[in-house]
């Protein structure tokens, strides 16, 4: 009696073997990991072939670390999704494999596949870092406070040229040196009739009231 499984086994043994545990079947795959803070960046990768258990372990570890350590780089909105996409493609290749079994020649008796840890999103570090970053970004405008703008009623303007016209003006605080105070902001210069003068800037017309020079006149 002859066995029909022996040729298939020999063909399987001739295929790729996991580079970590020397089990088979294995599939070519590359797992990526990104670490970065501001401008510092480090990109690591693990290249297979890997068996199902080793590949799954590396996928979970590399992806979780990328989410926790790579979210702080300036380019993280681009780099982290790129890592996730590449790792998911590698994961599909290894999870399609059968249960790993030791190679009859290459695998030592003490060789075992890696034990996959918890899934990526069941690890607190996978989502705590992105969540903390999102909270910090949302709170940044509140911490910094609204910017003070002087191009509105109550602000003042300063001449930046010696010409009588306000060819190039600067909006400044009225506590600083200034030449006129903004009395109204309108959409047409005709609405500035009755005011001392006006200036056009950015599609708006600023009706101005001039103020006397605060420097007292020197006696003759």
Protein backbone atom coordinates (compact mmCIF):
# COMPACT_ATOMS: atom_id res chain seq x y z
CA UNK A 1 0.00 0.00 0.00
CA UNK A 2 1.32 3.40 -0.88
CA UNK A 3 0.62 6.70 0.84
CA UNK A 4 -0.65 9.63 -1.15
CA UNK A 5 0.29 12.13 1.57
CA UNK A 6 4.06 11.65 1.36
CA UNK A 7 4.59 13.56 -1.91
CA UNK A 8 2.46 16.41 -0.61
CA UNK A 9 4.42 16.48 2.64
CA UNK A 10 7.75 16.54 0.80
CA UNK A 11 6.48 19.35 -1.43
CA UNK A 12 5.37 21.30 1.63
CA UNK A 13 8.73 20.75 3.33
CA UNK A 14 10.43 22.26 0.29
CA UNK A 15 8.50 25.51 0.72
CA UNK A 16 9.37 28.52 2.88
CA UNK A 17 10.25 27.93 6.52
CA UNK A 18 9.67 30.45 9.30
CA UNK A 19 12.88 32.38 9.96
CA UNK A 20 12.15 32.52 13.70
CA UNK A 21 11.04 29.05 14.71
CA UNK A 22 11.80 26.92 11.61
CA UNK A 23 8.20 25.73 11.42
CA UNK A 24 6.12 25.43 8.30
CA UNK A 25 4.11 26.38 6.38
CA UNK A 26 5.35 29.95 6.16
CA UNK A 27 4.67 32.92 3.94
CA UNK A 28 6.84 35.88 2.89
CA UNK A 29 5.80 38.96 4.86
CA UNK A 30 7.30 42.21 6.13
CA UNK A 31 6.13 43.88 9.35
CA UNK A 32 6.85 47.57 9.87
CA UNK A 33 7.20 49.68 13.00
CA UNK A 34 7.63 53.45 13.29
CA UNK A 35 8.89 55.35 16.34
CA UNK A 36 9.12 59.12 16.38
CA UNK A 37 8.88 62.30 18.41
CA UNK A 38 8.54 65.64 16.60
CA UNK A 39 11.35 65.43 14.01
CA UNK A 40 13.08 62.27 15.31
CA UNK A 41 12.08 59.21 13.33
CA UNK A 42 13.09 55.56 13.39
CA UNK A 43 11.63 53.00 11.02
CA UNK A 44 12.10 49.27 11.73
CA UNK A 45 10.99 46.25 9.81
CA UNK A 46 10.99 42.47 10.25
CA UNK A 47 11.19 40.38 7.09
CA UNK A 48 9.93 36.82 6.81
CA UNK A 49 8.90 34.26 5.82
CA UNK A 50 6.91 33.71 9.02
CA UNK A 51 4.60 30.98 10.18
CA UNK A 52 1.08 31.90 11.26
CA UNK A 53 1.84 32.30 14.98
CA UNK A 54 5.12 34.19 14.59
CA UNK A 55 3.66 36.47 11.93
CA UNK A 56 0.61 37.23 14.06
CA UNK A 57 2.80 37.99 17.07
CA UNK A 58 5.02 40.37 15.12
CA UNK A 59 1.98 42.05 13.56
CA UNK A 60 0.40 42.77 16.91
CA UNK A 61 3.62 43.97 18.55
CA UNK A 62 4.77 46.19 15.65
CA UNK A 63 1.33 47.72 15.10
CA UNK A 64 0.71 48.43 18.78
CA UNK A 65 4.12 50.04 19.18
CA UNK A 66 3.62 52.16 16.07
CA UNK A 67 0.33 53.46 17.45
CA UNK A 68 1.84 54.29 20.84
CA UNK A 69 5.34 55.47 19.84
CA UNK A 70 4.83 56.76 16.32
CA UNK A 71 1.87 59.06 16.97
CA UNK A 72 4.10 61.85 18.29
CA UNK A 73 5.95 62.58 15.05
CA UNK A 74 5.04 65.59 12.94
CA UNK A 75 4.30 63.26 10.01
CA UNK A 76 2.35 60.72 12.07
CA UNK A 77 -0.94 61.40 10.20
CA UNK A 78 0.80 59.98 7.12
CA UNK A 79 3.29 57.50 8.60
CA UNK A 80 1.03 55.64 11.03
CA UNK A 81 -1.72 54.86 8.48
CA UNK A 82 0.99 53.71 6.05
CA UNK A 83 2.37 51.31 8.65
CA UNK A 84 -1.12 50.02 9.44
CA UNK A 85 -1.87 49.37 5.77
CA UNK A 86 1.38 47.49 5.18
CA UNK A 87 1.05 45.44 8.36
CA UNK A 88 -2.53 44.47 7.57
CA UNK A 89 -1.41 43.18 4.17
CA UNK A 90 1.27 41.07 5.86
CA UNK A 91 -1.23 39.84 8.43
CA UNK A 92 -3.54 38.54 5.72
CA UNK A 93 -0.69 36.50 4.27
CA UNK A 94 0.21 34.75 7.52
CA UNK A 95 -3.29 34.22 8.95
CA UNK A 96 -4.22 32.28 5.80
CA UNK A 97 -1.65 29.61 6.73
CA UNK A 98 -2.34 26.30 8.44
CA UNK A 99 -1.22 25.48 11.97
CA UNK A 100 2.59 25.57 12.20
CA UNK A 101 4.46 22.29 12.56
CA UNK A 102 8.21 21.80 13.00
CA UNK A 103 10.38 21.16 9.96
CA UNK A 104 11.68 17.58 10.21
CA UNK A 105 15.27 18.67 9.61
CA UNK A 106 15.66 22.37 10.41
CA UNK A 107 13.60 22.73 13.59
CA UNK A 108 15.35 21.83 16.84
CA UNK A 109 13.28 20.08 19.52
CA UNK A 110 13.14 23.26 21.63
CA UNK A 111 12.01 25.51 18.79
CA UNK A 112 8.47 26.83 19.28
CA UNK A 113 6.50 29.48 17.42
CA UNK A 114 5.99 32.79 19.19
CA UNK A 115 2.83 33.07 21.27
CA UNK A 116 0.60 35.90 20.00
CA UNK A 117 -0.29 38.32 22.76
CA UNK A 118 -3.50 40.27 23.09
CA UNK A 119 -5.01 41.77 19.92
CA UNK A 120 -3.85 45.25 19.02
CA UNK A 121 -6.89 47.20 20.22
CA UNK A 122 -7.05 45.26 23.49
CA UNK A 123 -3.70 46.73 24.46
CA UNK A 124 -4.15 50.07 26.27
CA UNK A 125 -1.02 51.54 24.71
CA UNK A 126 -2.50 51.11 21.23
CA UNK A 127 -5.27 53.66 21.73
CA UNK A 128 -4.20 55.67 24.80
CA UNK A 129 -1.42 57.53 22.96
CA UNK A 130 -3.58 58.56 19.94
CA UNK A 131 -6.41 59.49 22.32
CA UNK A 132 -4.11 61.62 24.48
CA UNK A 133 -2.68 63.30 21.39
CA UNK A 134 -6.18 64.10 20.11
CA UNK A 135 -7.12 65.62 23.47
CA UNK A 136 -3.97 67.74 23.55
CA UNK A 137 -4.58 69.02 20.01
CA UNK A 138 -8.19 69.89 20.82
CA UNK A 139 -7.18 71.72 24.02
CA UNK A 140 -4.28 73.63 22.48
CA UNK A 141 -6.41 76.56 21.23
CA UNK A 142 -8.03 76.87 24.65
CA UNK A 143 -4.69 76.89 26.45
CA UNK A 144 -3.13 79.36 24.04
CA UNK A 145 -6.21 81.59 24.21
CA UNK A 146 -7.73 83.50 21.33
CA UNK A 147 -5.34 85.71 19.45
CA UNK A 148 -5.80 89.45 19.96
CA UNK A 149 -6.81 91.22 16.77
CA UNK A 150 -6.73 94.97 16.33
CA UNK A 151 -8.37 95.18 12.88
CA UNK A 152 -11.77 95.87 14.40
CA UNK A 153 -13.66 98.61 16.23
CA UNK A 154 -11.61 99.66 19.23
CA UNK A 155 -8.31 98.92 17.54
CA UNK A 156 -5.91 101.48 16.12
CA UNK A 157 -3.79 101.96 13.02
CA UNK A 158 -0.24 103.11 12.60
CA UNK A 159 1.19 104.78 9.52
CA UNK A 160 4.10 102.89 8.06
CA UNK A 161 4.87 105.45 5.36
CA UNK A 162 5.34 109.21 5.60
CA UNK A 163 2.56 109.77 3.06
CA UNK A 164 -0.70 111.32 4.07
CA UNK A 165 -2.57 108.28 2.73
CA UNK A 166 -2.47 105.04 4.66
CA UNK A 167 -0.80 103.19 1.79
CA UNK A 168 0.69 100.61 4.10
CA UNK A 169 -0.83 100.41 7.54
CA UNK A 170 -0.44 98.28 10.59
CA UNK A 171 -3.19 97.43 13.00
CA UNK A 172 -1.89 97.97 16.52
CA UNK A 173 -3.11 98.20 20.07
CA UNK A 174 -4.36 101.63 21.05
CA UNK A 175 -2.00 101.38 24.03
CA UNK A 176 0.89 101.55 21.56
CA UNK A 177 1.90 104.47 19.37
CA UNK A 178 -0.82 104.99 16.78
CA UNK A 179 -2.19 107.59 14.38
CA UNK A 180 -5.92 106.88 14.31
CA UNK A 181 -8.60 104.80 15.98
CA UNK A 182 -10.99 102.47 14.17
CA UNK A 183 -14.52 103.75 14.65
CA UNK A 184 -16.34 101.43 12.23
CA UNK A 185 -15.69 98.56 9.82
CA UNK A 186 -17.90 98.75 6.72
CA UNK A 187 -18.13 97.34 3.21
CA UNK A 188 -18.21 100.64 1.28
CA UNK A 189 -16.18 103.80 1.59
CA UNK A 190 -19.34 105.88 1.34
CA UNK A 191 -20.33 104.64 4.78
CA UNK A 192 -17.30 106.39 6.24
CA UNK A 193 -18.73 109.85 5.56
CA UNK A 194 -18.71 111.85 8.73
CA UNK A 195 -15.49 110.29 9.96
CA UNK A 196 -12.08 111.88 9.66
CA UNK A 197 -10.84 109.44 7.02
CA UNK A 198 -10.86 105.79 6.05
CA UNK A 199 -8.53 103.04 4.85
CA UNK A 200 -9.22 99.97 2.73
CA UNK A 201 -7.67 96.64 3.67
CA UNK A 202 -8.61 93.06 2.87
CA UNK A 203 -11.94 93.90 1.28
CA UNK A 204 -13.09 96.03 4.21
CA UNK A 205 -13.17 99.76 4.80
CA UNK A 206 -12.06 101.06 8.17
CA UNK A 207 -13.54 104.40 9.20
CA UNK A 208 -10.98 106.26 11.28
CA UNK A 209 -10.94 109.06 13.79
CA UNK A 210 -7.62 110.80 14.12
CA UNK A 211 -6.22 111.60 17.50
CA UNK A 212 -4.03 114.48 18.55
CA UNK A 213 -0.33 113.96 19.07
CA UNK A 214 0.04 113.03 22.73
CA UNK A 215 3.48 114.68 22.84
CA UNK A 216 3.03 118.05 24.56
CA UNK A 217 4.21 121.10 22.64
CA UNK A 218 7.49 122.55 23.82
CA UNK A 219 7.33 126.23 24.88
CA UNK A 220 9.28 128.65 22.72
